[in-house]
Amino acid sequence: MPTSAPEEPAAESAAHPRGAEEPVAERLLPNLDGSSLINVRRSRRDQLTRRLLALGDAASILFAITLALFAADQRTDSWQLIGWTVLSLPVWVLMLKLYKLYDRYTKRISHTAVDDLPWLAHSLLVGSLAYWAFTKILPVNQLTFLEGAIFGITALIAILLTRSVTSHLARRMLGSETLLMAGSGPNMHTLLGKINQHPEYGLTPIAMLDGLSAAPSAGGDPDPTDGLRAYGTGMKFDRLCQDIRPERVIIDRNEFVAEQVISMIDTCRRLSIKVSILPDAVESLGPSVEVDAVQGVTLLGVNPPMLGVTSRAIKRSFDLVISVTILAVFALPMILMAIAIKLDSRGPVLFAQSRVGRGSKHFHLFKFRTMANDAEARHAALMRQSRDPNWLDLA
């Protein structure tokens, strides 16, 4: 185990695969230790991401107030108010910082601009009201309700768009985060496969450290650690981190005892490495958990099995309003689609599937038929006819 081994690895080159050259950074900067290099790299990535986000937010707010003033076309002092807005941009950025809208991008792996929507909407509402009150004491006409509404809506949309662009730009400029995967169990193998299939997460796995189990991949499947440097339990975790210098570590909680996990987290904090924990029962929990704490003790809270009366009423109302609206908007295209399906092949227009709903009750889900009639019943025969085993040849 990486933290329980009391001695250094037997061979000095254990952290380097055989035949590998000494890292360039060590040859060029021999007096700079691994933790300093990690600090420099992580600081640059995080600072650039935050600065790009702040610049994008400031530009969005300035664009929103400019559009609101000229779209409403109710004043002659628009340029004066725009000038005051420019002076207030640092305050806007500070307010968004207080809402932690610049920190989540560096902490989370799968964070997107849409994840910030609740906090962003609340911060813009508070900021708009404060700015409306502030314009009352300025030597300009106070913002009108129409101008404030246009500003708030435009700023929300513009910030969401610019944040999507700037986070992608920062990733393109600095490349993906290097990742050390601590643990080699089935959960970590599953996670590794998903990371490799989805480069949009911006992670590049570079090494895997064995834990309590080192289960091989299923027979016939490619080795999920292909391309990674694999290290056994004799390697000390802190030494490994200083040698390969990952920017993030994912620790499989199933693969290490509690004392080891705590020691690994402390090492990552000391070396300024980001840490993510792969908890127990990861497949059953999914995204339906919230991070909780009791006097400093971290817990994962699972969503309650039943919604409250008010929540159910809101959800039902939302479902009905959205469903009716979508049906009304797409009624004509759906009719044309049904006619096209009927003319294209024999069989029903709609395809029914049985699903399990509330209270474990079965219900039928109807979809437009896109396959041959009775394709599920004829699955084996159609697969034999297909040229590609992963795609049905229905031509």
Protein backbone atom coordinates (compact mmCIF):
# COMPACT_ATOMS: atom_id res chain seq x y z
CA MET A 1 0.00 0.00 0.00
CA PRO A 2 1.36 3.45 -0.83
CA THR A 3 1.09 4.95 2.63
CA SER A 4 1.66 1.91 4.79
CA ALA A 5 5.04 0.91 3.39
CA PRO A 6 7.56 2.06 6.02
CA GLU A 7 10.57 1.84 3.72
CA GLU A 8 11.64 3.46 0.48
CA PRO A 9 11.35 1.31 -2.67
CA ALA A 10 14.20 -1.13 -3.03
CA ALA A 11 15.38 0.25 -6.34
CA GLU A 12 16.00 3.93 -6.89
CA SER A 13 14.50 3.68 -10.38
CA ALA A 14 11.26 2.10 -9.21
CA ALA A 15 9.33 5.27 -9.92
CA HIS A 16 10.68 5.39 -13.48
CA PRO A 17 9.83 2.69 -16.01
CA ARG A 18 12.92 0.90 -17.22
CA GLY A 19 14.66 2.72 -20.03
CA ALA A 20 12.86 6.01 -19.37
CA GLU A 21 14.96 9.14 -19.33
CA GLU A 22 15.18 11.44 -16.36
CA PRO A 23 12.36 14.02 -16.59
CA VAL A 24 13.40 17.14 -18.47
CA ALA A 25 12.32 19.38 -15.59
CA GLU A 26 14.67 17.58 -13.19
CA ARG A 27 17.61 17.99 -15.57
CA LEU A 28 16.92 21.65 -16.27
CA LEU A 29 15.81 22.63 -12.74
CA PRO A 30 17.74 20.33 -10.38
CA ASN A 31 17.19 22.55 -7.34
CA LEU A 32 13.41 22.72 -7.73
CA ASP A 33 11.61 19.91 -5.95
CA GLY A 34 8.51 18.12 -7.23
CA SER A 35 6.06 19.99 -5.03
CA SER A 36 7.28 23.34 -6.37
CA LEU A 37 6.82 22.20 -9.96
CA ILE A 38 3.30 21.00 -9.20
CA ASN A 39 2.51 24.32 -7.54
CA VAL A 40 3.76 26.27 -10.56
CA ARG A 41 1.79 24.23 -13.07
CA ARG A 42 -1.42 24.08 -11.09
CA SER A 43 -1.22 27.77 -10.21
CA ARG A 44 -0.87 28.71 -13.86
CA ARG A 45 -3.81 26.54 -14.96
CA ASP A 46 -6.14 27.66 -12.19
CA GLN A 47 -5.17 31.32 -12.43
CA LEU A 48 -5.65 31.38 -16.19
CA THR A 49 -9.05 29.70 -15.89
CA ARG A 50 -10.22 32.14 -13.22
CA ARG A 51 -8.91 35.17 -15.10
CA LEU A 52 -10.56 34.13 -18.35
CA LEU A 53 -13.84 33.53 -16.52
CA ALA A 54 -13.61 36.93 -14.81
CA LEU A 55 -12.86 38.71 -18.09
CA GLY A 56 -15.74 36.92 -19.77
CA ASP A 57 -18.11 37.82 -16.93
CA ALA A 58 -17.05 41.48 -17.03
CA ALA A 59 -17.47 41.64 -20.81
CA SER A 60 -20.90 40.00 -20.53
CA ILE A 61 -22.09 42.49 -17.90
CA LEU A 62 -20.85 45.42 -19.97
CA PHE A 63 -22.53 44.03 -23.09
CA ALA A 64 -25.78 43.44 -21.18
CA ILE A 65 -26.02 46.98 -19.77
CA THR A 66 -25.15 48.47 -23.17
CA LEU A 67 -27.85 46.42 -24.89
CA ALA A 68 -30.39 47.25 -22.18
CA LEU A 69 -29.79 51.00 -22.39
CA PHE A 70 -29.90 51.25 -26.17
CA ALA A 71 -32.70 48.70 -26.63
CA ALA A 72 -34.99 50.54 -24.22
CA ASP A 73 -34.06 53.85 -25.91
CA GLN A 74 -35.48 55.89 -23.04
CA ARG A 75 -32.52 58.07 -22.01
CA THR A 76 -29.92 60.53 -23.25
CA ASP A 77 -27.25 59.67 -20.66
CA SER A 78 -26.57 56.10 -21.82
CA TRP A 79 -22.83 56.59 -22.31
CA GLN A 80 -22.47 58.11 -18.84
CA LEU A 81 -24.14 55.09 -17.27
CA ILE A 82 -21.99 52.76 -19.35
CA GLY A 83 -18.94 54.56 -17.98
CA TRP A 84 -20.15 54.03 -14.42
CA THR A 85 -20.75 50.37 -15.27
CA VAL A 86 -17.13 50.02 -16.41
CA LEU A 87 -15.99 51.42 -13.06
CA SER A 88 -18.26 48.96 -11.22
CA LEU A 89 -17.01 45.85 -13.06
CA PRO A 90 -14.47 44.92 -10.31
CA VAL A 91 -17.36 44.97 -7.82
CA TRP A 92 -19.38 42.65 -10.06
CA VAL A 93 -16.46 40.23 -10.34
CA LEU A 94 -15.93 40.35 -6.57
CA MET A 95 -19.59 39.54 -5.98
CA LEU A 96 -19.41 36.55 -8.32
CA LYS A 97 -16.25 35.49 -6.49
CA LEU A 98 -18.13 35.60 -3.17
CA TYR A 99 -20.69 33.26 -4.73
CA LYS A 100 -17.75 30.88 -5.43
CA LEU A 101 -18.44 31.00 -9.15
CA TYR A 102 -14.71 30.90 -9.93
CA ASP A 103 -13.71 28.10 -7.57
CA ARG A 104 -15.95 25.26 -8.72
CA TYR A 105 -14.20 25.02 -12.08
CA THR A 106 -10.94 24.09 -10.39
CA LYS A 107 -12.46 21.70 -7.85
CA ARG A 108 -14.86 19.63 -9.93
CA ILE A 109 -14.13 17.46 -12.95
CA SER A 110 -17.48 17.58 -14.73
CA HIS A 111 -18.38 21.18 -13.95
CA THR A 112 -20.15 23.12 -16.72
CA ALA A 113 -21.57 26.61 -17.03
CA VAL A 114 -25.11 25.27 -16.60
CA ASP A 115 -24.15 23.91 -13.16
CA ASP A 116 -23.66 27.53 -12.06
CA LEU A 117 -27.14 28.59 -13.16
CA PRO A 118 -28.85 28.77 -9.71
CA TRP A 119 -26.00 30.73 -8.07
CA LEU A 120 -25.48 32.86 -11.15
CA ALA A 121 -29.15 33.79 -11.39
CA HIS A 122 -29.29 34.67 -7.70
CA SER A 123 -26.11 36.74 -7.85
CA LEU A 124 -27.35 38.67 -10.89
CA LEU A 125 -30.68 39.32 -9.19
CA VAL A 126 -28.96 40.69 -6.09
CA GLY A 127 -26.46 42.63 -8.19
CA SER A 128 -29.15 44.12 -10.43
CA LEU A 129 -31.16 45.33 -7.44
CA ALA A 130 -28.03 46.80 -5.86
CA TYR A 131 -27.05 48.48 -9.12
CA TRP A 132 -30.57 49.86 -9.54
CA ALA A 133 -30.35 51.40 -6.07
CA PHE A 134 -26.83 52.66 -6.81
CA THR A 135 -27.98 54.52 -9.94
CA LYS A 136 -30.34 56.52 -7.76
CA ILE A 137 -27.41 58.38 -6.20
CA LEU A 138 -25.45 58.75 -9.44
CA PRO A 139 -25.67 61.90 -11.59
CA VAL A 140 -27.71 59.93 -14.15
CA ASN A 141 -31.31 58.83 -14.50
CA GLN A 142 -32.15 55.74 -12.49
CA LEU A 143 -32.51 52.42 -14.31
CA THR A 144 -36.07 51.64 -15.34
CA PHE A 145 -37.75 48.28 -14.80
CA LEU A 146 -37.52 47.49 -18.53
CA GLU A 147 -33.81 48.30 -18.62
CA GLY A 148 -33.19 46.20 -15.51
CA ALA A 149 -35.11 43.23 -16.93
CA ILE A 150 -33.26 43.35 -20.25
CA PHE A 151 -29.95 43.68 -18.40
CA GLY A 152 -30.57 40.72 -16.07
CA ILE A 153 -31.76 38.31 -18.77
CA THR A 154 -29.03 39.32 -21.22
CA ALA A 155 -26.29 39.11 -18.59
CA LEU A 156 -27.41 35.62 -17.53
CA ILE A 157 -27.40 34.28 -21.09
CA ALA A 158 -24.15 36.05 -22.03
CA ILE A 159 -22.27 34.82 -18.95
CA LEU A 160 -23.40 31.23 -19.53
CA LEU A 161 -22.17 31.41 -23.12
CA THR A 162 -18.86 33.11 -22.35
CA ARG A 163 -18.15 30.68 -19.50
CA SER A 164 -18.62 27.74 -21.84
CA VAL A 165 -16.21 29.33 -24.31
CA THR A 166 -13.59 30.48 -21.79
CA SER A 167 -13.39 27.16 -19.95
CA HIS A 168 -12.87 25.40 -23.28
CA LEU A 169 -10.30 28.01 -24.29
CA ALA A 170 -8.32 27.54 -21.07
CA ARG A 171 -8.27 23.80 -21.65
CA ARG A 172 -7.06 24.27 -25.22
CA MET A 173 -4.31 26.66 -24.10
CA LEU A 174 -2.97 24.50 -21.26
CA GLY A 175 -4.02 21.02 -22.37
CA SER A 176 -5.62 18.33 -20.23
CA GLU A 177 -4.94 17.74 -16.55
CA THR A 178 -2.58 14.87 -15.83
CA LEU A 179 -4.24 12.26 -13.65
CA LEU A 180 -2.98 9.62 -11.22
CA MET A 181 -5.53 6.90 -10.49
CA ALA A 182 -5.00 5.46 -7.02
CA GLY A 183 -6.62 2.05 -7.10
CA SER A 184 -6.92 -0.68 -9.70
CA GLY A 185 -10.25 -2.26 -8.85
CA PRO A 186 -13.27 -2.65 -11.16
CA ASN A 187 -14.74 0.74 -10.26
CA MET A 188 -11.52 2.49 -11.22
CA HIS A 189 -11.33 0.51 -14.46
CA THR A 190 -14.88 1.61 -15.29
CA LEU A 191 -14.03 5.22 -14.53
CA LEU A 192 -10.86 5.01 -16.62
CA GLY A 193 -12.81 3.75 -19.60
CA LYS A 194 -15.30 6.60 -19.34
CA ILE A 195 -12.54 9.19 -19.02
CA ASN A 196 -10.84 7.83 -22.14
CA GLN A 197 -14.14 7.86 -24.05
CA HIS A 198 -14.97 11.44 -23.07
CA PRO A 199 -12.05 13.83 -23.67
CA GLU A 200 -14.32 16.77 -22.86
CA TYR A 201 -13.55 16.15 -19.18
CA GLY A 202 -10.02 17.36 -19.87
CA LEU A 203 -8.18 14.53 -18.09
CA THR A 204 -5.15 12.56 -19.25
CA PRO A 205 -4.51 9.47 -17.09
CA ILE A 206 -0.77 8.89 -16.81
CA ALA A 207 -0.42 6.28 -14.06
CA MET A 208 -2.34 3.78 -11.95
CA LEU A 209 -1.37 2.71 -8.43
CA ASP A 210 -2.46 -0.70 -7.17
CA GLY A 211 -4.67 -0.88 -4.12
CA LEU A 212 -6.04 -3.77 -2.10
CA SER A 213 -7.15 -5.58 -5.25
CA ALA A 214 -5.54 -5.59 -8.66
CA ALA A 215 -8.27 -7.31 -10.64
CA PRO A 216 -7.38 -7.85 -14.30
CA SER A 217 -9.74 -6.81 -17.05
CA ALA A 218 -12.39 -9.21 -18.25
CA GLY A 219 -11.24 -11.88 -20.66
CA GLY A 220 -11.09 -10.76 -24.25
CA ASP A 221 -11.32 -7.06 -23.38
CA PRO A 222 -8.37 -4.75 -24.02
CA ASP A 223 -6.29 -3.90 -20.99
CA PRO A 224 -7.91 -0.75 -19.47
CA THR A 225 -4.51 0.39 -18.20
CA ASP A 226 -3.02 0.36 -21.68
CA GLY A 227 -0.77 3.36 -22.07
CA LEU A 228 -0.53 3.97 -18.31
CA ARG A 229 2.43 3.42 -16.05
CA ALA A 230 1.39 0.86 -13.45
CA TYR A 231 2.90 0.90 -9.95
CA GLY A 232 2.63 -1.77 -7.28
CA THR A 233 1.82 -1.38 -3.62
CA GLY A 234 5.50 -1.10 -2.71
CA MET A 235 5.69 2.41 -4.12
CA LYS A 236 5.21 5.17 -1.56
CA PHE A 237 2.42 7.51 -2.57
CA ASP A 238 4.20 10.78 -1.78
CA ARG A 239 7.30 9.71 -3.68
CA LEU A 240 5.19 8.70 -6.68
CA CYS A 241 3.38 12.06 -6.71
CA GLN A 242 6.64 13.99 -6.61
CA ASP A 243 8.06 11.89 -9.41
CA ILE A 244 5.23 11.86 -11.97
CA ARG A 245 3.75 15.19 -10.78
CA PRO A 246 0.04 14.67 -11.50
CA GLU A 247 -2.28 17.64 -11.39
CA ARG A 248 -5.15 15.56 -10.01
CA VAL A 249 -5.46 12.29 -8.10
CA ILE A 250 -8.56 10.12 -7.98
CA ILE A 251 -8.57 7.78 -4.97
CA ASP A 252 -10.75 4.67 -4.99
CA ARG A 253 -12.15 4.46 -1.46
CA ASN A 254 -12.67 0.70 -1.84
CA GLU A 255 -8.97 0.12 -2.49
CA PHE A 256 -7.42 1.70 0.61
CA VAL A 257 -8.11 1.68 4.34
CA ALA A 258 -9.25 4.89 6.02
CA GLU A 259 -5.82 5.78 7.42
CA GLN A 260 -4.25 5.46 3.99
CA VAL A 261 -6.91 7.64 2.35
CA ILE A 262 -6.39 10.37 4.96
CA SER A 263 -2.62 10.20 4.48
CA MET A 264 -2.99 10.38 0.69
CA ILE A 265 -5.27 13.41 0.93
CA ASP A 266 -2.78 15.13 3.25
CA THR A 267 0.01 14.43 0.76
CA CYS A 268 -2.03 15.89 -2.09
CA ARG A 269 -2.80 19.01 -0.08
CA ARG A 270 0.86 19.47 0.78
CA LEU A 271 1.83 19.12 -2.89
CA SER A 272 -1.11 21.25 -4.12
CA ILE A 273 -2.62 18.36 -6.09
CA LYS A 274 -6.36 18.30 -6.65
CA VAL A 275 -8.11 15.29 -5.13
CA SER A 276 -11.28 13.46 -6.09
CA ILE A 277 -12.64 10.50 -4.12
CA LEU A 278 -14.35 7.55 -5.78
CA PRO A 279 -16.76 6.48 -3.01
CA ASP A 280 -18.21 3.08 -2.19
CA ALA A 281 -21.16 1.80 -4.19
CA VAL A 282 -20.45 4.30 -6.94
CA GLU A 283 -22.68 2.60 -9.49
CA SER A 284 -25.75 2.57 -7.24
CA LEU A 285 -25.39 6.15 -6.02
CA GLY A 286 -24.85 7.87 -9.36
CA PRO A 287 -25.33 11.65 -9.36
CA SER A 288 -28.16 11.56 -6.81
CA VAL A 289 -25.95 12.46 -3.83
CA GLU A 290 -25.12 15.68 -2.04
CA VAL A 291 -22.00 16.36 -0.04
CA ASP A 292 -22.93 16.84 3.61
CA ALA A 293 -20.96 17.34 6.82
CA VAL A 294 -21.51 16.89 10.56
CA GLN A 295 -19.00 18.90 12.59
CA GLY A 296 -16.32 18.43 9.96
CA VAL A 297 -17.17 14.78 9.21
CA THR A 298 -17.96 14.46 5.49
CA LEU A 299 -21.03 12.47 4.46
CA LEU A 300 -22.69 11.67 1.14
CA GLY A 301 -26.42 12.34 1.33
CA VAL A 302 -28.64 10.27 -0.98
CA ASN A 303 -31.79 11.91 -2.31
CA PRO A 304 -34.91 10.93 -0.32
CA PRO A 305 -37.04 8.20 -1.91
CA MET A 306 -40.17 10.39 -1.94
CA LEU A 307 -40.67 13.99 -2.97
CA GLY A 308 -42.64 16.29 -0.69
CA VAL A 309 -46.17 17.36 -1.56
CA THR A 310 -45.06 20.79 -2.78
CA SER A 311 -42.18 19.33 -4.80
CA ARG A 312 -44.50 16.79 -6.42
CA ALA A 313 -47.01 19.50 -7.29
CA ILE A 314 -44.31 21.71 -8.81
CA LYS A 315 -42.84 18.79 -10.76
CA ARG A 316 -46.25 17.71 -12.05
CA SER A 317 -47.14 21.26 -13.08
CA PHE A 318 -43.80 21.67 -14.79
CA ASP A 319 -44.24 18.36 -16.64
CA LEU A 320 -47.71 19.30 -17.86
CA VAL A 321 -46.78 22.82 -18.96
CA ILE A 322 -43.65 21.71 -20.80
CA SER A 323 -45.36 18.68 -22.39
CA VAL A 324 -48.36 20.65 -23.65
CA THR A 325 -46.10 23.42 -24.97
CA ILE A 326 -43.83 21.00 -26.82
CA LEU A 327 -46.80 19.11 -28.28
CA ALA A 328 -48.34 22.35 -29.51
CA VAL A 329 -45.10 23.57 -31.09
CA PHE A 330 -44.16 20.27 -32.73
CA ALA A 331 -47.64 19.01 -33.63
CA LEU A 332 -47.28 19.69 -37.35
CA PRO A 333 -43.74 18.21 -37.69
CA MET A 334 -44.89 15.13 -35.76
CA ILE A 335 -47.86 14.66 -38.11
CA LEU A 336 -45.55 14.91 -41.12
CA MET A 337 -43.15 12.45 -39.48
CA ALA A 338 -45.98 9.98 -38.88
CA ILE A 339 -47.04 10.20 -42.54
CA ALA A 340 -43.44 9.65 -43.68
CA ILE A 341 -43.07 6.55 -41.48
CA LYS A 342 -46.34 5.12 -42.78
CA LEU A 343 -45.31 5.67 -46.39
CA ASP A 344 -41.81 4.28 -45.84
CA SER A 345 -42.65 0.84 -44.43
CA ARG A 346 -45.44 -1.35 -43.18
CA GLY A 347 -46.29 -1.41 -39.52
CA PRO A 348 -47.46 0.98 -36.83
CA VAL A 349 -46.25 4.57 -36.63
CA LEU A 350 -45.54 4.36 -32.92
CA PHE A 351 -43.24 1.92 -31.15
CA ALA A 352 -44.17 0.95 -27.57
CA GLN A 353 -41.75 -0.04 -24.82
CA SER A 354 -42.61 -1.14 -21.30
CA ARG A 355 -41.02 0.93 -18.53
CA VAL A 356 -41.22 0.91 -14.74
CA GLY A 357 -42.58 4.06 -13.14
CA ARG A 358 -43.77 5.31 -9.78
CA GLY A 359 -44.64 2.60 -7.30
CA SER A 360 -42.96 -0.03 -9.54
CA LYS A 361 -45.92 0.18 -11.90
CA HIS A 362 -45.33 -0.66 -15.55
CA PHE A 363 -46.37 1.78 -18.25
CA HIS A 364 -45.93 2.04 -22.00
CA LEU A 365 -43.57 4.58 -23.53
CA PHE A 366 -44.46 5.48 -27.12
CA LYS A 367 -41.84 6.58 -29.64
CA PHE A 368 -41.83 7.08 -33.37
CA ARG A 369 -40.80 3.81 -35.02
CA THR A 370 -37.35 4.08 -36.59
CA MET A 371 -36.70 0.36 -37.16
CA ALA A 372 -38.33 -2.43 -39.12
CA ASN A 373 -41.59 -3.68 -37.66
CA ASP A 374 -41.05 -6.25 -34.88
CA ALA A 375 -37.30 -5.55 -34.97
CA GLU A 376 -36.86 -6.62 -31.35
CA ALA A 377 -38.45 -10.01 -31.98
CA ARG A 378 -36.35 -10.42 -35.13
CA HIS A 379 -33.16 -9.13 -33.51
CA ALA A 380 -31.09 -12.30 -33.99
CA ALA A 381 -32.03 -12.69 -37.66
CA LEU A 382 -31.38 -9.02 -38.41
CA MET A 383 -28.00 -9.19 -36.71
CA ARG A 384 -27.02 -12.12 -38.92
CA GLN A 385 -27.98 -10.11 -42.01
CA SER A 386 -26.08 -7.01 -40.91
CA ARG A 387 -22.60 -6.31 -42.28
CA ASP A 388 -21.67 -4.52 -39.06
CA PRO A 389 -22.41 -6.41 -35.79
CA ASN A 390 -22.96 -3.09 -34.01
CA TRP A 391 -25.47 -1.73 -36.50
CA LEU A 392 -28.62 -3.23 -38.00
CA ASP A 393 -28.67 -3.22 -41.78
CA LEU A 394 -32.32 -2.50 -42.50
CA ALA A 395 -31.90 -1.25 -46.06
